[in-house]
Amino acid sequence: MGLFILFLLGIGNFAMHKAVLESRHPLLGQMPWFVHLLGGRFGLIVEFLLLTAAMLLSHNAATPQGASGVQLAYICYTAANALAAWLIITRRV
């Protein structure tokens, strides 16, 4: 069940990342050169690697009591990602 939740959170992270890329916010133009590799898709590759690592580590460290520390860390990462995406998309930054 934990892997499924991580997978759904990963889909949400991909959607937020794509929405930020499509927002054409001026902040994106100030990012370092390596962020613009592959037409701005470099960040999506990093997002995929984070999700894959979280799922692999979670599968290996799952406890019978519930969520592992890896799952909680990825949930916190997703919450921070959602806040940042909201701030960028609504132009509050």
N, C-alpha and C. Protein backbone atom coordinates (compact mmCIF):
# COMPACT_ATOMS: atom_id res chain seq x y z
N MET A 1 0.82 -1.19 0.00
CA MET A 1 0.00 0.00 0.00
C MET A 1 0.86 1.26 0.00
N GLY A 2 1.97 1.21 0.74
CA GLY A 2 2.86 2.35 0.81
C GLY A 2 3.47 2.70 -0.54
N LEU A 3 3.81 1.67 -1.32
CA LEU A 3 4.38 1.92 -2.66
C LEU A 3 3.35 2.58 -3.56
N PHE A 4 2.10 2.17 -3.44
CA PHE A 4 1.04 2.76 -4.26
C PHE A 4 0.86 4.24 -3.92
N ILE A 5 0.91 4.56 -2.64
CA ILE A 5 0.78 5.96 -2.23
C ILE A 5 1.96 6.77 -2.74
N LEU A 6 3.17 6.22 -2.65
CA LEU A 6 4.33 6.92 -3.19
C LEU A 6 4.19 7.13 -4.70
N PHE A 7 3.67 6.13 -5.38
CA PHE A 7 3.47 6.26 -6.83
C PHE A 7 2.49 7.39 -7.15
N LEU A 8 1.39 7.46 -6.39
CA LEU A 8 0.42 8.54 -6.61
C LEU A 8 1.01 9.91 -6.30
N LEU A 9 1.81 9.99 -5.23
CA LEU A 9 2.48 11.24 -4.92
C LEU A 9 3.47 11.61 -6.02
N GLY A 10 4.14 10.61 -6.59
CA GLY A 10 5.06 10.87 -7.69
C GLY A 10 4.34 11.43 -8.91
N ILE A 11 3.17 10.90 -9.21
CA ILE A 11 2.38 11.43 -10.33
C ILE A 11 2.03 12.90 -10.06
N GLY A 12 1.66 13.19 -8.82
CA GLY A 12 1.37 14.57 -8.46
C GLY A 12 2.59 15.47 -8.60
N ASN A 13 3.76 14.97 -8.21
CA ASN A 13 4.98 15.76 -8.35
C ASN A 13 5.31 16.03 -9.81
N PHE A 14 5.12 15.03 -10.66
CA PHE A 14 5.34 15.23 -12.09
C PHE A 14 4.38 16.29 -12.65
N ALA A 15 3.12 16.22 -12.25
CA ALA A 15 2.13 17.18 -12.73
C ALA A 15 2.47 18.60 -12.27
N MET A 16 2.88 18.73 -11.00
CA MET A 16 3.26 20.06 -10.50
C MET A 16 4.48 20.59 -11.22
N HIS A 17 5.45 19.72 -11.47
CA HIS A 17 6.67 20.14 -12.16
C HIS A 17 6.35 20.61 -13.58
N LYS A 18 5.50 19.87 -14.26
CA LYS A 18 5.12 20.25 -15.62
C LYS A 18 4.34 21.56 -15.62
N ALA A 19 3.47 21.76 -14.65
CA ALA A 19 2.71 23.00 -14.57
C ALA A 19 3.64 24.19 -14.34
N VAL A 20 4.65 24.01 -13.52
CA VAL A 20 5.61 25.09 -13.28
C VAL A 20 6.39 25.39 -14.56
N LEU A 21 6.80 24.35 -15.28
CA LEU A 21 7.52 24.57 -16.54
C LEU A 21 6.66 25.32 -17.55
N GLU A 22 5.39 24.99 -17.60
CA GLU A 22 4.49 25.62 -18.57
C GLU A 22 4.04 27.01 -18.14
N SER A 23 4.30 27.39 -16.90
CA SER A 23 3.87 28.71 -16.42
C SER A 23 4.70 29.84 -17.01
N ARG A 24 5.88 29.52 -17.53
CA ARG A 24 6.78 30.52 -18.11
C ARG A 24 7.09 31.65 -17.12
N HIS A 25 7.22 31.29 -15.87
CA HIS A 25 7.54 32.27 -14.83
C HIS A 25 8.94 32.83 -15.07
N PRO A 26 9.13 34.14 -14.85
CA PRO A 26 10.46 34.74 -15.05
C PRO A 26 11.56 34.10 -14.20
N LEU A 27 11.17 33.52 -13.08
CA LEU A 27 12.13 32.87 -12.20
C LEU A 27 12.83 31.71 -12.91
N LEU A 28 12.14 31.05 -13.82
CA LEU A 28 12.74 29.92 -14.53
C LEU A 28 13.91 30.36 -15.41
N GLY A 29 13.87 31.58 -15.92
CA GLY A 29 14.96 32.08 -16.73
C GLY A 29 16.23 32.35 -15.94
N GLN A 30 16.13 32.44 -14.64
CA GLN A 30 17.28 32.72 -13.79
C GLN A 30 17.95 31.46 -13.25
N MET A 31 17.45 30.31 -13.67
CA MET A 31 18.02 29.05 -13.19
C MET A 31 19.35 28.78 -13.88
N PRO A 32 20.23 27.98 -13.27
CA PRO A 32 21.52 27.65 -13.89
C PRO A 32 21.34 26.93 -15.22
N TRP A 33 22.40 26.88 -16.00
CA TRP A 33 22.34 26.32 -17.35
C TRP A 33 21.92 24.86 -17.37
N PHE A 34 22.34 24.07 -16.38
CA PHE A 34 22.03 22.64 -16.42
C PHE A 34 20.54 22.35 -16.21
N VAL A 35 19.81 23.31 -15.65
CA VAL A 35 18.36 23.13 -15.49
C VAL A 35 17.67 23.17 -16.84
N HIS A 36 18.24 23.89 -17.78
CA HIS A 36 17.64 24.05 -19.10
C HIS A 36 18.03 22.94 -20.07
N LEU A 37 18.81 21.98 -19.62
CA LEU A 37 19.17 20.86 -20.48
C LEU A 37 17.91 20.11 -20.91
N LEU A 38 17.94 19.60 -22.10
CA LEU A 38 16.83 18.82 -22.65
C LEU A 38 15.53 19.62 -22.67
N GLY A 39 15.62 20.90 -22.91
CA GLY A 39 14.43 21.73 -23.00
C GLY A 39 13.70 21.90 -21.69
N GLY A 40 14.43 21.89 -20.59
CA GLY A 40 13.81 22.04 -19.29
C GLY A 40 13.32 20.73 -18.70
N ARG A 41 13.56 19.65 -19.39
CA ARG A 41 13.10 18.34 -18.91
C ARG A 41 14.08 17.66 -17.97
N PHE A 42 15.22 18.28 -17.75
CA PHE A 42 16.21 17.72 -16.84
C PHE A 42 15.61 17.53 -15.45
N GLY A 43 14.80 18.48 -15.03
CA GLY A 43 14.15 18.39 -13.72
C GLY A 43 13.20 17.21 -13.62
N LEU A 44 12.55 16.87 -14.74
CA LEU A 44 11.66 15.71 -14.73
C LEU A 44 12.45 14.41 -14.56
N ILE A 45 13.65 14.38 -15.12
CA ILE A 45 14.51 13.20 -14.94
C ILE A 45 14.92 13.08 -13.48
N VAL A 46 15.27 14.20 -12.86
CA VAL A 46 15.63 14.19 -11.44
C VAL A 46 14.42 13.76 -10.60
N GLU A 47 13.25 14.24 -10.98
CA GLU A 47 12.01 13.86 -10.27
C GLU A 47 11.78 12.35 -10.36
N PHE A 48 12.01 11.79 -11.54
CA PHE A 48 11.86 10.35 -11.72
C PHE A 48 12.86 9.58 -10.87
N LEU A 49 14.10 10.05 -10.83
CA LEU A 49 15.11 9.38 -10.02
C LEU A 49 14.78 9.44 -8.53
N LEU A 50 14.25 10.57 -8.08
CA LEU A 50 13.83 10.68 -6.67
C LEU A 50 12.69 9.71 -6.34
N LEU A 51 11.72 9.63 -7.24
CA LEU A 51 10.60 8.71 -7.02
C LEU A 51 11.07 7.26 -7.01
N THR A 52 11.92 6.92 -7.97
CA THR A 52 12.44 5.55 -8.04
C THR A 52 13.21 5.20 -6.77
N ALA A 53 14.08 6.10 -6.34
CA ALA A 53 14.86 5.85 -5.11
C ALA A 53 13.95 5.72 -3.90
N ALA A 54 12.95 6.58 -3.80
CA ALA A 54 12.03 6.50 -2.66
C ALA A 54 11.27 5.18 -2.66
N MET A 55 10.84 4.75 -3.84
CA MET A 55 10.08 3.49 -3.90
C MET A 55 10.97 2.30 -3.58
N LEU A 56 12.20 2.29 -4.09
CA LEU A 56 13.11 1.18 -3.81
C LEU A 56 13.49 1.13 -2.33
N LEU A 57 13.84 2.28 -1.77
CA LEU A 57 14.20 2.32 -0.36
C LEU A 57 13.01 1.99 0.54
N SER A 58 11.84 2.44 0.15
CA SER A 58 10.64 2.16 0.93
C SER A 58 10.31 0.68 0.91
N HIS A 59 10.49 0.07 -0.22
CA HIS A 59 10.20 -1.37 -0.33
C HIS A 59 11.14 -2.17 0.56
N ASN A 60 12.39 -1.75 0.63
CA ASN A 60 13.38 -2.47 1.44
C ASN A 60 13.28 -2.15 2.92
N ALA A 61 12.76 -0.98 3.27
CA ALA A 61 12.74 -0.56 4.67
C ALA A 61 11.34 -0.55 5.27
N ALA A 62 10.37 -1.13 4.59
CA ALA A 62 8.99 -1.10 5.09
C ALA A 62 8.90 -1.86 6.41
N THR A 63 8.14 -1.29 7.33
CA THR A 63 7.94 -1.92 8.63
C THR A 63 6.49 -2.39 8.74
N PRO A 64 6.25 -3.39 9.53
CA PRO A 64 4.88 -3.86 9.69
C PRO A 64 3.97 -2.83 10.35
N GLN A 65 4.54 -1.89 11.09
CA GLN A 65 3.73 -0.91 11.81
C GLN A 65 3.15 0.15 10.88
N GLY A 66 3.71 0.35 9.73
CA GLY A 66 3.20 1.39 8.84
C GLY A 66 4.29 2.00 7.99
N ALA A 67 4.18 3.30 7.78
CA ALA A 67 5.07 4.01 6.88
C ALA A 67 6.50 4.04 7.41
N SER A 68 7.43 3.91 6.52
CA SER A 68 8.84 4.02 6.89
C SER A 68 9.26 5.48 6.85
N GLY A 69 10.46 5.74 7.31
CA GLY A 69 10.98 7.10 7.29
C GLY A 69 11.13 7.63 5.88
N VAL A 70 11.42 6.74 4.94
CA VAL A 70 11.55 7.14 3.54
C VAL A 70 10.21 7.63 3.01
N GLN A 71 9.16 6.93 3.34
CA GLN A 71 7.83 7.34 2.89
C GLN A 71 7.45 8.69 3.50
N LEU A 72 7.72 8.88 4.76
CA LEU A 72 7.42 10.15 5.41
C LEU A 72 8.25 11.29 4.81
N ALA A 73 9.50 11.01 4.49
CA ALA A 73 10.36 12.02 3.86
C ALA A 73 9.81 12.40 2.49
N TYR A 74 9.33 11.42 1.71
CA TYR A 74 8.80 11.72 0.38
C TYR A 74 7.48 12.48 0.49
N ILE A 75 6.69 12.19 1.50
CA ILE A 75 5.46 12.94 1.72
C ILE A 75 5.78 14.39 2.05
N CYS A 76 6.79 14.62 2.89
CA CYS A 76 7.21 15.99 3.21
C CYS A 76 7.76 16.69 1.98
N TYR A 77 8.53 15.97 1.16
CA TYR A 77 9.06 16.53 -0.09
C TYR A 77 7.92 16.94 -1.01
N THR A 78 6.89 16.12 -1.11
CA THR A 78 5.75 16.43 -1.96
C THR A 78 5.01 17.65 -1.44
N ALA A 79 4.86 17.77 -0.14
CA ALA A 79 4.20 18.95 0.44
C ALA A 79 4.99 20.22 0.15
N ALA A 80 6.31 20.16 0.30
CA ALA A 80 7.15 21.33 0.00
C ALA A 80 7.10 21.65 -1.50
N ASN A 81 7.07 20.61 -2.32
CA ASN A 81 6.97 20.79 -3.77
C ASN A 81 5.63 21.45 -4.14
N ALA A 82 4.56 21.03 -3.50
CA ALA A 82 3.24 21.60 -3.77
C ALA A 82 3.20 23.07 -3.37
N LEU A 83 3.78 23.41 -2.23
CA LEU A 83 3.82 24.80 -1.79
C LEU A 83 4.62 25.66 -2.78
N ALA A 84 5.79 25.16 -3.18
CA ALA A 84 6.62 25.91 -4.13
C ALA A 84 5.92 26.07 -5.47
N ALA A 85 5.28 25.01 -5.96
CA ALA A 85 4.56 25.09 -7.24
C ALA A 85 3.42 26.09 -7.15
N TRP A 86 2.69 26.08 -6.05
CA TRP A 86 1.59 27.02 -5.87
C TRP A 86 2.10 28.46 -5.86
N LEU A 87 3.21 28.69 -5.17
CA LEU A 87 3.77 30.03 -5.12
C LEU A 87 4.22 30.51 -6.49
N ILE A 88 4.80 29.62 -7.27
CA ILE A 88 5.30 29.99 -8.60
C ILE A 88 4.16 30.19 -9.57
N ILE A 89 3.20 29.27 -9.59
CA ILE A 89 2.11 29.34 -10.56
C ILE A 89 1.20 30.54 -10.30
N THR A 90 0.96 30.86 -9.04
CA THR A 90 0.11 32.00 -8.72
C THR A 90 0.89 33.32 -8.71
N ARG A 91 2.17 33.26 -9.07
CA ARG A 91 3.03 34.44 -9.19
C ARG A 91 3.15 35.20 -7.86
N ARG A 92 3.19 34.48 -6.77
CA ARG A 92 3.39 35.09 -5.47
C ARG A 92 4.88 35.23 -5.15
N VAL A 93 5.69 34.65 -5.98
CA VAL A 93 7.15 34.76 -5.81
C VAL A 93 7.69 35.60 -6.93
